[in-house]
């Protein structure tokens, strides 16, 4: 890698405020806010809106769309093609 052109890559805490969950990982993201982690060290913290703890797909609370109703509405509106 060329020196001096890549962003710094280091430990960062990502915090999902909606689920009250945080995890430590490595990233190029930075923040002015910091948090003291479980190991006693202080790391930059990035607040995120959704993580795997609060996203409906991962939590199993995703709603299933009524695709049959949408298909029937489409066929009523535009007619069925190739039915004959």
N, C-alpha and C. Protein backbone atom coordinates (compact mmCIF):
# COMPACT_ATOMS: atom_id res chain seq x y z
N UNK A 1 0.84 -1.18 0.00
CA UNK A 1 0.00 0.00 0.00
C UNK A 1 0.88 1.24 0.00
N UNK A 2 0.39 2.25 -0.68
CA UNK A 2 1.11 3.52 -0.68
C UNK A 2 0.98 4.19 0.68
N UNK A 3 2.07 4.70 1.20
CA UNK A 3 1.98 5.38 2.50
C UNK A 3 1.33 6.76 2.36
N UNK A 4 0.54 7.14 3.37
CA UNK A 4 0.00 8.49 3.44
C UNK A 4 -1.31 8.72 2.69
N UNK A 5 -1.86 7.72 1.98
CA UNK A 5 -3.09 7.98 1.23
C UNK A 5 -4.29 7.24 1.83
N UNK A 6 -4.08 6.37 2.78
CA UNK A 6 -5.17 5.59 3.36
C UNK A 6 -5.58 6.16 4.71
N UNK A 7 -6.88 6.13 5.02
CA UNK A 7 -7.31 6.63 6.34
C UNK A 7 -6.85 5.70 7.45
N UNK A 8 -6.77 6.25 8.63
CA UNK A 8 -6.34 5.46 9.79
C UNK A 8 -7.38 4.39 10.10
N UNK A 9 -6.91 3.19 10.41
CA UNK A 9 -7.77 2.04 10.68
C UNK A 9 -7.53 1.61 12.11
N UNK A 10 -8.54 1.79 12.96
CA UNK A 10 -8.33 1.46 14.36
C UNK A 10 -9.61 1.08 15.06
N UNK A 11 -9.53 0.81 16.35
CA UNK A 11 -10.70 0.37 17.11
C UNK A 11 -11.73 1.49 17.25
N UNK A 12 -13.01 1.14 17.07
CA UNK A 12 -14.13 2.07 17.18
C UNK A 12 -15.30 1.31 17.82
N UNK A 13 -16.05 1.98 18.67
CA UNK A 13 -17.25 1.39 19.25
C UNK A 13 -18.45 1.90 18.46
N UNK A 14 -19.27 0.98 17.98
CA UNK A 14 -20.53 1.33 17.33
C UNK A 14 -21.64 1.10 18.33
N UNK A 15 -22.49 2.12 18.53
CA UNK A 15 -23.54 2.04 19.54
C UNK A 15 -24.91 2.21 18.90
N UNK A 16 -25.77 1.22 19.10
CA UNK A 16 -27.16 1.27 18.65
C UNK A 16 -27.97 1.79 19.82
N UNK A 17 -28.34 3.05 19.77
CA UNK A 17 -29.03 3.67 20.89
C UNK A 17 -30.45 3.14 21.06
N UNK A 18 -31.11 2.72 19.99
CA UNK A 18 -32.47 2.23 20.08
C UNK A 18 -32.52 0.91 20.85
N UNK A 19 -31.51 0.08 20.70
CA UNK A 19 -31.50 -1.23 21.36
C UNK A 19 -30.60 -1.25 22.59
N UNK A 20 -29.96 -0.13 22.89
CA UNK A 20 -29.03 -0.06 24.01
C UNK A 20 -27.96 -1.15 23.90
N UNK A 21 -27.31 -1.19 22.72
CA UNK A 21 -26.31 -2.22 22.42
C UNK A 21 -25.10 -1.55 21.80
N UNK A 22 -23.91 -2.00 22.16
CA UNK A 22 -22.68 -1.46 21.59
C UNK A 22 -21.70 -2.61 21.35
N UNK A 23 -20.88 -2.43 20.31
CA UNK A 23 -19.85 -3.44 20.05
C UNK A 23 -18.58 -2.76 19.57
N UNK A 24 -17.48 -3.36 19.90
CA UNK A 24 -16.15 -2.85 19.56
C UNK A 24 -15.64 -3.58 18.33
N UNK A 25 -15.20 -2.82 17.34
CA UNK A 25 -14.63 -3.39 16.13
C UNK A 25 -13.58 -2.43 15.60
N UNK A 26 -13.04 -2.74 14.45
CA UNK A 26 -12.06 -1.85 13.82
C UNK A 26 -12.70 -1.22 12.60
N UNK A 27 -12.40 0.05 12.38
CA UNK A 27 -13.00 0.78 11.26
C UNK A 27 -12.16 2.00 10.93
N UNK A 28 -12.46 2.60 9.78
CA UNK A 28 -11.83 3.86 9.40
C UNK A 28 -12.67 5.05 9.83
N UNK A 29 -13.88 4.80 10.36
CA UNK A 29 -14.73 5.90 10.83
C UNK A 29 -14.13 6.51 12.08
N UNK A 30 -14.38 7.80 12.25
CA UNK A 30 -13.89 8.50 13.43
C UNK A 30 -15.03 9.30 14.03
N UNK A 31 -14.83 9.74 15.25
CA UNK A 31 -15.84 10.54 15.95
C UNK A 31 -15.16 11.38 17.01
N UNK A 32 -15.77 12.52 17.31
CA UNK A 32 -15.26 13.36 18.39
C UNK A 32 -15.69 12.83 19.75
N UNK A 33 -16.78 12.06 19.77
CA UNK A 33 -17.28 11.50 21.02
C UNK A 33 -16.48 10.25 21.37
N UNK A 34 -16.29 10.02 22.66
CA UNK A 34 -15.56 8.83 23.10
C UNK A 34 -16.37 8.13 24.18
N UNK A 35 -16.00 6.88 24.42
CA UNK A 35 -16.66 6.07 25.44
C UNK A 35 -15.60 5.18 26.10
N UNK A 36 -15.77 4.97 27.39
CA UNK A 36 -14.87 4.04 28.09
C UNK A 36 -15.45 2.64 27.94
N UNK A 37 -14.67 1.74 27.38
CA UNK A 37 -15.13 0.39 27.09
C UNK A 37 -14.88 -0.53 28.27
N UNK A 38 -15.36 -1.76 28.18
CA UNK A 38 -15.28 -2.73 29.27
C UNK A 38 -13.84 -3.06 29.68
N UNK A 39 -12.91 -2.90 28.75
CA UNK A 39 -11.51 -3.22 29.05
C UNK A 39 -10.78 -2.06 29.73
N UNK A 40 -11.49 -0.94 29.96
CA UNK A 40 -10.90 0.21 30.63
C UNK A 40 -10.30 1.24 29.69
N UNK A 41 -10.20 0.93 28.40
CA UNK A 41 -9.66 1.87 27.43
C UNK A 41 -10.77 2.78 26.90
N UNK A 42 -10.37 3.93 26.38
CA UNK A 42 -11.31 4.89 25.80
C UNK A 42 -11.21 4.82 24.29
N UNK A 43 -12.36 4.68 23.62
CA UNK A 43 -12.41 4.55 22.17
C UNK A 43 -13.40 5.57 21.60
N UNK A 44 -13.22 5.96 20.33
CA UNK A 44 -14.24 6.79 19.69
C UNK A 44 -15.53 5.99 19.53
N UNK A 45 -16.68 6.66 19.67
CA UNK A 45 -17.97 5.99 19.56
C UNK A 45 -18.77 6.61 18.42
N UNK A 46 -19.37 5.74 17.59
CA UNK A 46 -20.21 6.15 16.48
C UNK A 46 -21.62 5.64 16.76
N UNK A 47 -22.59 6.54 16.83
CA UNK A 47 -23.97 6.15 17.06
C UNK A 47 -24.62 5.78 15.74
N UNK A 48 -25.28 4.62 15.71
CA UNK A 48 -25.96 4.15 14.50
C UNK A 48 -27.45 4.00 14.81
N UNK A 49 -28.27 4.12 13.78
CA UNK A 49 -29.71 4.02 13.96
C UNK A 49 -30.17 2.57 14.03
N UNK A 50 -29.53 1.69 13.26
CA UNK A 50 -29.96 0.30 13.18
C UNK A 50 -28.74 -0.60 13.22
N UNK A 51 -28.84 -1.68 13.99
CA UNK A 51 -27.80 -2.70 13.98
C UNK A 51 -28.49 -4.06 13.89
N UNK A 52 -27.73 -5.11 13.95
CA UNK A 52 -28.33 -6.44 13.86
C UNK A 52 -29.22 -6.75 15.06
N UNK A 53 -29.12 -5.98 16.12
CA UNK A 53 -29.95 -6.20 17.30
C UNK A 53 -31.33 -5.57 17.14
N UNK A 54 -31.43 -4.47 16.38
CA UNK A 54 -32.71 -3.77 16.27
C UNK A 54 -33.35 -3.86 14.88
N UNK A 55 -32.66 -4.40 13.89
CA UNK A 55 -33.23 -4.47 12.54
C UNK A 55 -34.29 -5.57 12.47
N UNK A 56 -35.47 -5.28 11.90
CA UNK A 56 -36.55 -6.27 11.87
C UNK A 56 -36.19 -7.57 11.16
N UNK A 57 -35.34 -7.52 10.16
CA UNK A 57 -34.97 -8.75 9.45
C UNK A 57 -34.24 -9.72 10.37
N UNK A 58 -33.33 -9.20 11.17
CA UNK A 58 -32.54 -10.05 12.05
C UNK A 58 -33.28 -10.44 13.33
N UNK A 59 -34.23 -9.61 13.77
CA UNK A 59 -34.94 -9.91 15.01
C UNK A 59 -36.14 -10.81 14.78
N UNK A 60 -36.54 -11.02 13.52
CA UNK A 60 -37.67 -11.87 13.22
C UNK A 60 -39.01 -11.18 13.32
N UNK A 61 -39.01 -9.86 13.41
CA UNK A 61 -40.26 -9.12 13.51
C UNK A 61 -40.65 -8.45 12.21
N UNK A 62 -40.03 -8.86 11.11
CA UNK A 62 -40.33 -8.26 9.81
C UNK A 62 -41.75 -8.66 9.39
N UNK A 63 -42.46 -7.72 8.80
CA UNK A 63 -43.82 -8.00 8.34
C UNK A 63 -43.76 -8.55 6.93
N UNK A 64 -44.65 -9.48 6.62
CA UNK A 64 -44.74 -10.05 5.29
C UNK A 64 -45.75 -9.24 4.50
N UNK A 65 -45.37 -8.82 3.31
CA UNK A 65 -46.27 -8.04 2.48
C UNK A 65 -47.30 -8.94 1.82
N UNK A 66 -48.46 -8.37 1.53
CA UNK A 66 -49.52 -9.11 0.86
C UNK A 66 -49.24 -9.08 -0.64
N UNK A 67 -48.36 -9.96 -1.08
CA UNK A 67 -47.98 -9.96 -2.51
C UNK A 67 -49.11 -10.46 -3.38
N UNK A 68 -49.93 -11.37 -2.87
CA UNK A 68 -51.05 -11.87 -3.68
C UNK A 68 -52.04 -10.75 -3.95
N UNK A 69 -52.31 -9.93 -2.97
CA UNK A 69 -53.20 -8.80 -3.17
C UNK A 69 -52.65 -7.80 -4.17
N UNK A 70 -51.36 -7.60 -4.16
CA UNK A 70 -50.74 -6.67 -5.09
C UNK A 70 -50.81 -7.20 -6.51
N UNK A 71 -50.63 -8.51 -6.69
CA UNK A 71 -50.71 -9.11 -8.03
C UNK A 71 -52.14 -9.02 -8.55
N UNK A 72 -53.11 -9.32 -7.70
CA UNK A 72 -54.51 -9.24 -8.12
C UNK A 72 -54.88 -7.82 -8.49
N UNK A 73 -54.43 -6.86 -7.74
CA UNK A 73 -54.72 -5.46 -8.05
C UNK A 73 -54.08 -5.07 -9.38
N UNK A 74 -52.86 -5.53 -9.62
CA UNK A 74 -52.19 -5.24 -10.89
C UNK A 74 -52.97 -5.84 -12.05
N UNK A 75 -53.42 -7.10 -11.89
CA UNK A 75 -54.16 -7.76 -12.97
C UNK A 75 -55.51 -7.07 -13.22
N UNK A 76 -56.18 -6.61 -12.17
CA UNK A 76 -57.44 -5.89 -12.36
C UNK A 76 -57.20 -4.58 -13.09
N UNK A 77 -56.13 -3.91 -12.74
CA UNK A 77 -55.85 -2.60 -13.32
C UNK A 77 -55.42 -2.72 -14.78
N UNK A 78 -54.55 -3.64 -15.10
CA UNK A 78 -53.97 -3.71 -16.43
C UNK A 78 -54.47 -4.90 -17.24
N UNK A 79 -55.25 -5.75 -16.66
CA UNK A 79 -55.78 -6.92 -17.38
C UNK A 79 -54.74 -8.01 -17.46
N UNK A 80 -55.24 -9.18 -17.66
CA UNK A 80 -54.36 -10.34 -17.77
C UNK A 80 -53.91 -10.50 -19.20
N UNK A 81 -52.64 -10.70 -19.41
CA UNK A 81 -52.11 -10.88 -20.77
C UNK A 81 -51.83 -12.35 -21.01
N UNK A 82 -52.11 -12.80 -22.19
CA UNK A 82 -51.80 -14.18 -22.57
C UNK A 82 -52.74 -15.20 -21.92
N UNK A 83 -53.88 -14.76 -21.44
CA UNK A 83 -54.82 -15.70 -20.79
C UNK A 83 -55.56 -16.50 -21.83
N UNK A 84 -55.66 -16.01 -23.06
CA UNK A 84 -56.42 -16.73 -24.11
C UNK A 84 -55.61 -17.71 -24.82
